[in-house]
């Protein structure tokens, strides 16, 4: 299995989707396929997290979960490690009006 840089989902439970494909549910973590741990450092085997390599981890910090969502919680450490900061980019700092 090759290593990829696109994070997939590892979750504590699974739910059957409308089309019959299994979808993540419960607590959701970011996971790089080919590794045995989440981005926040939890080992997949010891925590019994299920892997979903077909589901990309595309959550952001501004996502709001409701009671109707099968996902109950998004790991904040995985969210920070995956770069889910709402699209803010780092810009270089410039002084526009320097002192004499």
N, C-alpha and C. Protein backbone atom coordinates (compact mmCIF):
# COMPACT_ATOMS: atom_id res chain seq x y z
N UNK A 1 0.84 -1.17 0.00
CA UNK A 1 0.00 0.00 0.00
C UNK A 1 0.89 1.23 0.00
N UNK A 2 0.57 2.19 -0.83
CA UNK A 2 1.41 3.38 -0.92
C UNK A 2 0.91 4.47 0.02
N UNK A 3 1.82 5.33 0.41
CA UNK A 3 1.47 6.44 1.29
C UNK A 3 0.94 7.60 0.47
N UNK A 4 -0.13 8.20 0.93
CA UNK A 4 -0.68 9.38 0.26
C UNK A 4 -0.70 10.54 1.24
N UNK A 5 -0.81 11.73 0.72
CA UNK A 5 -0.85 12.92 1.55
C UNK A 5 -2.28 13.42 1.73
N UNK A 6 -3.26 12.76 1.14
CA UNK A 6 -4.65 13.13 1.29
C UNK A 6 -5.23 12.37 2.47
N UNK A 7 -5.71 13.11 3.44
CA UNK A 7 -6.24 12.47 4.65
C UNK A 7 -7.60 11.85 4.38
N UNK A 8 -7.79 10.64 4.89
CA UNK A 8 -9.07 9.96 4.83
C UNK A 8 -9.66 9.95 6.24
N UNK A 9 -10.77 9.28 6.41
CA UNK A 9 -11.50 9.30 7.68
C UNK A 9 -11.33 7.96 8.39
N UNK A 10 -11.14 8.04 9.70
CA UNK A 10 -11.23 6.89 10.60
C UNK A 10 -12.27 7.26 11.65
N UNK A 11 -13.21 6.39 11.91
CA UNK A 11 -14.32 6.73 12.81
C UNK A 11 -14.59 5.61 13.79
N UNK A 12 -15.32 5.95 14.85
CA UNK A 12 -15.61 4.97 15.90
C UNK A 12 -16.77 4.05 15.53
N UNK A 13 -17.61 4.44 14.58
CA UNK A 13 -18.71 3.57 14.15
C UNK A 13 -18.98 3.83 12.67
N UNK A 14 -19.86 3.04 12.11
CA UNK A 14 -20.22 3.20 10.70
C UNK A 14 -21.72 3.15 10.53
N UNK A 15 -22.17 3.82 9.48
CA UNK A 15 -23.59 3.91 9.15
C UNK A 15 -23.73 3.58 7.67
N UNK A 16 -24.78 2.85 7.32
CA UNK A 16 -25.04 2.57 5.91
C UNK A 16 -25.66 3.80 5.27
N UNK A 17 -25.08 4.26 4.16
CA UNK A 17 -25.60 5.43 3.45
C UNK A 17 -26.83 5.09 2.65
N UNK A 18 -27.36 6.09 1.94
CA UNK A 18 -28.56 5.89 1.13
C UNK A 18 -28.34 4.90 -0.01
N UNK A 19 -27.11 4.87 -0.53
CA UNK A 19 -26.79 3.97 -1.63
C UNK A 19 -26.20 2.64 -1.17
N UNK A 20 -26.16 2.41 0.14
CA UNK A 20 -25.66 1.16 0.67
C UNK A 20 -24.18 1.16 1.00
N UNK A 21 -23.48 2.23 0.68
CA UNK A 21 -22.05 2.34 0.97
C UNK A 21 -21.89 2.77 2.43
N UNK A 22 -20.95 2.14 3.11
CA UNK A 22 -20.76 2.48 4.52
C UNK A 22 -20.13 3.86 4.67
N UNK A 23 -20.63 4.62 5.64
CA UNK A 23 -20.18 5.98 5.91
C UNK A 23 -19.76 6.09 7.37
N UNK A 24 -18.86 7.03 7.70
CA UNK A 24 -18.41 7.16 9.09
C UNK A 24 -19.49 7.72 9.99
N UNK A 25 -19.41 7.33 11.25
CA UNK A 25 -20.32 7.83 12.27
C UNK A 25 -19.60 7.90 13.60
N UNK A 26 -20.21 8.55 14.56
CA UNK A 26 -19.59 8.67 15.88
C UNK A 26 -18.48 9.70 15.88
N UNK A 27 -17.36 9.37 16.49
CA UNK A 27 -16.21 10.27 16.56
C UNK A 27 -15.34 10.08 15.32
N UNK A 28 -15.01 11.18 14.65
CA UNK A 28 -14.29 11.15 13.37
C UNK A 28 -12.88 11.70 13.55
N UNK A 29 -11.90 10.98 12.98
CA UNK A 29 -10.50 11.38 13.01
C UNK A 29 -9.95 11.40 11.61
N UNK A 30 -8.86 12.16 11.40
CA UNK A 30 -8.15 12.17 10.11
C UNK A 30 -7.10 11.07 10.14
N UNK A 31 -6.94 10.38 9.00
CA UNK A 31 -6.03 9.25 8.92
C UNK A 31 -5.41 9.24 7.52
N UNK A 32 -4.10 9.02 7.46
CA UNK A 32 -3.42 8.89 6.17
C UNK A 32 -3.36 7.41 5.81
N UNK A 33 -3.96 7.00 4.69
CA UNK A 33 -3.91 5.59 4.30
C UNK A 33 -2.46 5.12 4.18
N UNK A 34 -2.20 3.96 4.72
CA UNK A 34 -0.86 3.40 4.74
C UNK A 34 -0.18 3.53 6.09
N UNK A 35 -0.78 4.31 6.97
CA UNK A 35 -0.25 4.46 8.32
C UNK A 35 -1.18 3.77 9.30
N UNK A 36 -0.66 3.49 10.48
CA UNK A 36 -1.44 2.78 11.48
C UNK A 36 -1.88 3.69 12.62
N UNK A 37 -1.92 5.00 12.38
CA UNK A 37 -2.37 5.92 13.42
C UNK A 37 -3.04 7.12 12.77
N UNK A 38 -3.83 7.83 13.58
CA UNK A 38 -4.49 9.03 13.09
C UNK A 38 -3.51 10.19 13.12
N UNK A 39 -3.91 11.32 12.60
CA UNK A 39 -3.04 12.49 12.60
C UNK A 39 -2.81 13.03 14.01
N UNK A 40 -3.74 12.75 14.93
CA UNK A 40 -3.55 13.20 16.31
C UNK A 40 -2.75 12.19 17.14
N UNK A 41 -2.39 11.04 16.56
CA UNK A 41 -1.51 10.09 17.22
C UNK A 41 -2.19 8.87 17.83
N UNK A 42 -3.49 8.70 17.64
CA UNK A 42 -4.17 7.52 18.18
C UNK A 42 -3.89 6.29 17.31
N UNK A 43 -3.48 5.18 17.92
CA UNK A 43 -3.29 3.96 17.13
C UNK A 43 -4.65 3.39 16.72
N UNK A 44 -4.79 3.02 15.46
CA UNK A 44 -6.08 2.56 14.94
C UNK A 44 -6.51 1.24 15.56
N UNK A 45 -5.57 0.33 15.76
CA UNK A 45 -5.94 -0.99 16.26
C UNK A 45 -6.35 -0.96 17.73
N UNK A 46 -5.66 -0.21 18.54
CA UNK A 46 -5.98 -0.19 19.98
C UNK A 46 -7.25 0.59 20.29
N UNK A 47 -7.55 1.59 19.52
CA UNK A 47 -8.75 2.38 19.76
C UNK A 47 -9.96 1.84 19.01
N UNK A 48 -9.75 0.81 18.19
CA UNK A 48 -10.80 0.15 17.40
C UNK A 48 -11.52 1.11 16.48
N UNK A 49 -10.75 2.00 15.86
CA UNK A 49 -11.33 2.91 14.88
C UNK A 49 -11.43 2.20 13.54
N UNK A 50 -12.55 2.40 12.86
CA UNK A 50 -12.75 1.82 11.54
C UNK A 50 -12.20 2.76 10.48
N UNK A 51 -11.59 2.18 9.46
CA UNK A 51 -10.98 2.98 8.39
C UNK A 51 -11.97 3.16 7.24
N UNK A 52 -11.98 4.38 6.70
CA UNK A 52 -12.81 4.69 5.54
C UNK A 52 -11.93 5.35 4.48
N UNK A 53 -11.16 4.56 3.72
CA UNK A 53 -10.25 5.16 2.74
C UNK A 53 -10.97 5.84 1.57
N UNK A 54 -12.25 5.53 1.37
CA UNK A 54 -13.01 6.12 0.28
C UNK A 54 -13.67 7.45 0.66
N UNK A 55 -13.54 7.86 1.94
CA UNK A 55 -14.15 9.11 2.40
C UNK A 55 -13.03 10.10 2.74
N UNK A 56 -12.92 11.22 2.01
CA UNK A 56 -11.87 12.19 2.33
C UNK A 56 -12.21 12.98 3.59
N UNK A 57 -11.19 13.36 4.33
CA UNK A 57 -11.37 14.19 5.54
C UNK A 57 -11.41 15.64 5.08
N UNK A 58 -12.61 16.13 4.80
CA UNK A 58 -12.76 17.49 4.29
C UNK A 58 -13.60 18.35 5.23
N UNK A 59 -13.41 18.16 6.51
CA UNK A 59 -14.11 18.96 7.50
C UNK A 59 -13.34 20.25 7.75
N UNK A 60 -14.04 21.28 8.21
CA UNK A 60 -13.36 22.53 8.56
C UNK A 60 -13.77 22.92 9.97
N UNK A 61 -13.09 23.91 10.52
CA UNK A 61 -13.35 24.33 11.89
C UNK A 61 -14.71 25.00 12.03
N UNK A 62 -15.30 25.45 10.94
CA UNK A 62 -16.58 26.13 11.00
C UNK A 62 -17.77 25.20 10.79
N UNK A 63 -17.52 23.91 10.59
CA UNK A 63 -18.62 22.96 10.41
C UNK A 63 -19.41 22.83 11.71
N UNK A 64 -20.73 22.83 11.57
CA UNK A 64 -21.60 22.63 12.72
C UNK A 64 -22.34 21.32 12.55
N UNK A 65 -22.29 20.49 13.58
CA UNK A 65 -22.95 19.20 13.56
C UNK A 65 -24.30 19.30 14.24
N UNK A 66 -25.30 18.65 13.68
CA UNK A 66 -26.63 18.63 14.27
C UNK A 66 -26.94 17.21 14.73
N UNK A 67 -28.08 17.04 15.35
CA UNK A 67 -28.49 15.72 15.82
C UNK A 67 -28.80 14.76 14.68
N UNK A 68 -29.07 15.27 13.49
CA UNK A 68 -29.38 14.43 12.34
C UNK A 68 -28.13 13.87 11.68
N UNK A 69 -26.97 14.44 11.98
CA UNK A 69 -25.72 13.96 11.39
C UNK A 69 -25.27 12.68 12.06
N UNK A 70 -24.80 11.70 11.27
CA UNK A 70 -24.27 10.48 11.89
C UNK A 70 -22.95 10.73 12.60
N UNK A 71 -22.23 11.80 12.20
CA UNK A 71 -20.97 12.15 12.84
C UNK A 71 -21.30 12.92 14.12
N UNK A 72 -20.82 12.42 15.24
CA UNK A 72 -21.12 13.06 16.51
C UNK A 72 -20.07 14.07 16.94
N UNK A 73 -18.80 13.84 16.58
CA UNK A 73 -17.72 14.71 17.02
C UNK A 73 -16.58 14.62 16.02
N UNK A 74 -15.97 15.77 15.73
CA UNK A 74 -14.78 15.83 14.88
C UNK A 74 -13.61 16.15 15.79
N UNK A 75 -12.57 15.34 15.73
CA UNK A 75 -11.40 15.52 16.59
C UNK A 75 -10.73 16.86 16.29
N UNK A 76 -10.62 17.75 17.27
CA UNK A 76 -10.01 19.06 17.00
C UNK A 76 -8.51 18.97 16.71
N UNK A 77 -7.82 18.00 17.28
CA UNK A 77 -6.39 17.86 17.00
C UNK A 77 -6.16 17.38 15.58
N UNK A 78 -6.98 16.46 15.10
CA UNK A 78 -6.88 16.01 13.71
C UNK A 78 -7.26 17.14 12.75
N UNK A 79 -8.24 17.93 13.13
CA UNK A 79 -8.65 19.06 12.31
C UNK A 79 -7.53 20.07 12.15
N UNK A 80 -6.81 20.34 13.24
CA UNK A 80 -5.68 21.27 13.18
C UNK A 80 -4.52 20.67 12.38
N UNK A 81 -4.28 19.37 12.54
CA UNK A 81 -3.17 18.73 11.83
C UNK A 81 -3.45 18.62 10.33
N UNK A 82 -4.72 18.50 9.97
CA UNK A 82 -5.08 18.40 8.55
C UNK A 82 -5.16 19.76 7.89
N UNK A 83 -5.06 20.83 8.66
CA UNK A 83 -5.08 22.17 8.10
C UNK A 83 -6.47 22.70 7.85
N UNK A 84 -7.44 22.30 8.64
CA UNK A 84 -8.81 22.75 8.46
C UNK A 84 -9.10 24.06 9.16
N UNK A 85 -8.43 25.12 8.76
CA UNK A 85 -8.61 26.41 9.42
C UNK A 85 -9.52 27.33 8.64
N UNK A 86 -10.37 26.80 7.81
CA UNK A 86 -11.31 27.64 7.10
C UNK A 86 -10.74 28.40 5.91
N UNK A 87 -9.62 27.97 5.36
CA UNK A 87 -9.09 28.56 4.16
C UNK A 87 -8.18 29.76 4.37
N UNK A 88 -7.85 30.09 5.60
CA UNK A 88 -6.95 31.21 5.82
C UNK A 88 -5.54 30.82 5.40
N UNK A 89 -4.90 31.69 4.65
CA UNK A 89 -3.54 31.42 4.21
C UNK A 89 -2.59 32.33 4.94
N UNK A 90 -1.41 31.87 5.11
CA UNK A 90 -0.39 32.66 5.78
C UNK A 90 0.16 33.69 4.80
N UNK A 91 0.14 34.93 5.19
CA UNK A 91 0.64 35.99 4.34
C UNK A 91 1.83 36.65 5.00
N UNK A 92 2.73 37.13 4.16
CA UNK A 92 3.89 37.80 4.73
C UNK A 92 3.47 39.18 5.23
N UNK A 93 4.15 39.63 6.24
CA UNK A 93 3.83 40.90 6.86
C UNK A 93 4.61 42.00 6.18
N UNK A 94 3.94 43.11 5.82
CA UNK A 94 4.57 44.26 5.20
C UNK A 94 4.28 45.51 6.00
N UNK A 95 5.27 46.37 6.12
CA UNK A 95 5.06 47.65 6.76
C UNK A 95 4.69 48.64 5.65
N UNK A 96 3.52 49.24 5.76
CA UNK A 96 3.05 50.15 4.73
C UNK A 96 3.50 51.60 4.95
N UNK A 97 3.61 51.98 6.18
CA UNK A 97 4.00 53.36 6.48
C UNK A 97 5.11 53.34 7.52
N UNK A 98 6.36 53.16 7.10
CA UNK A 98 7.44 53.08 8.09
C UNK A 98 7.74 54.43 8.73
N UNK A 99 8.24 54.35 9.94
CA UNK A 99 8.62 55.58 10.63
C UNK A 99 9.90 56.16 10.04
N UNK A 100 10.10 57.49 10.16
CA UNK A 100 11.33 58.09 9.61
C UNK A 100 12.55 57.73 10.42
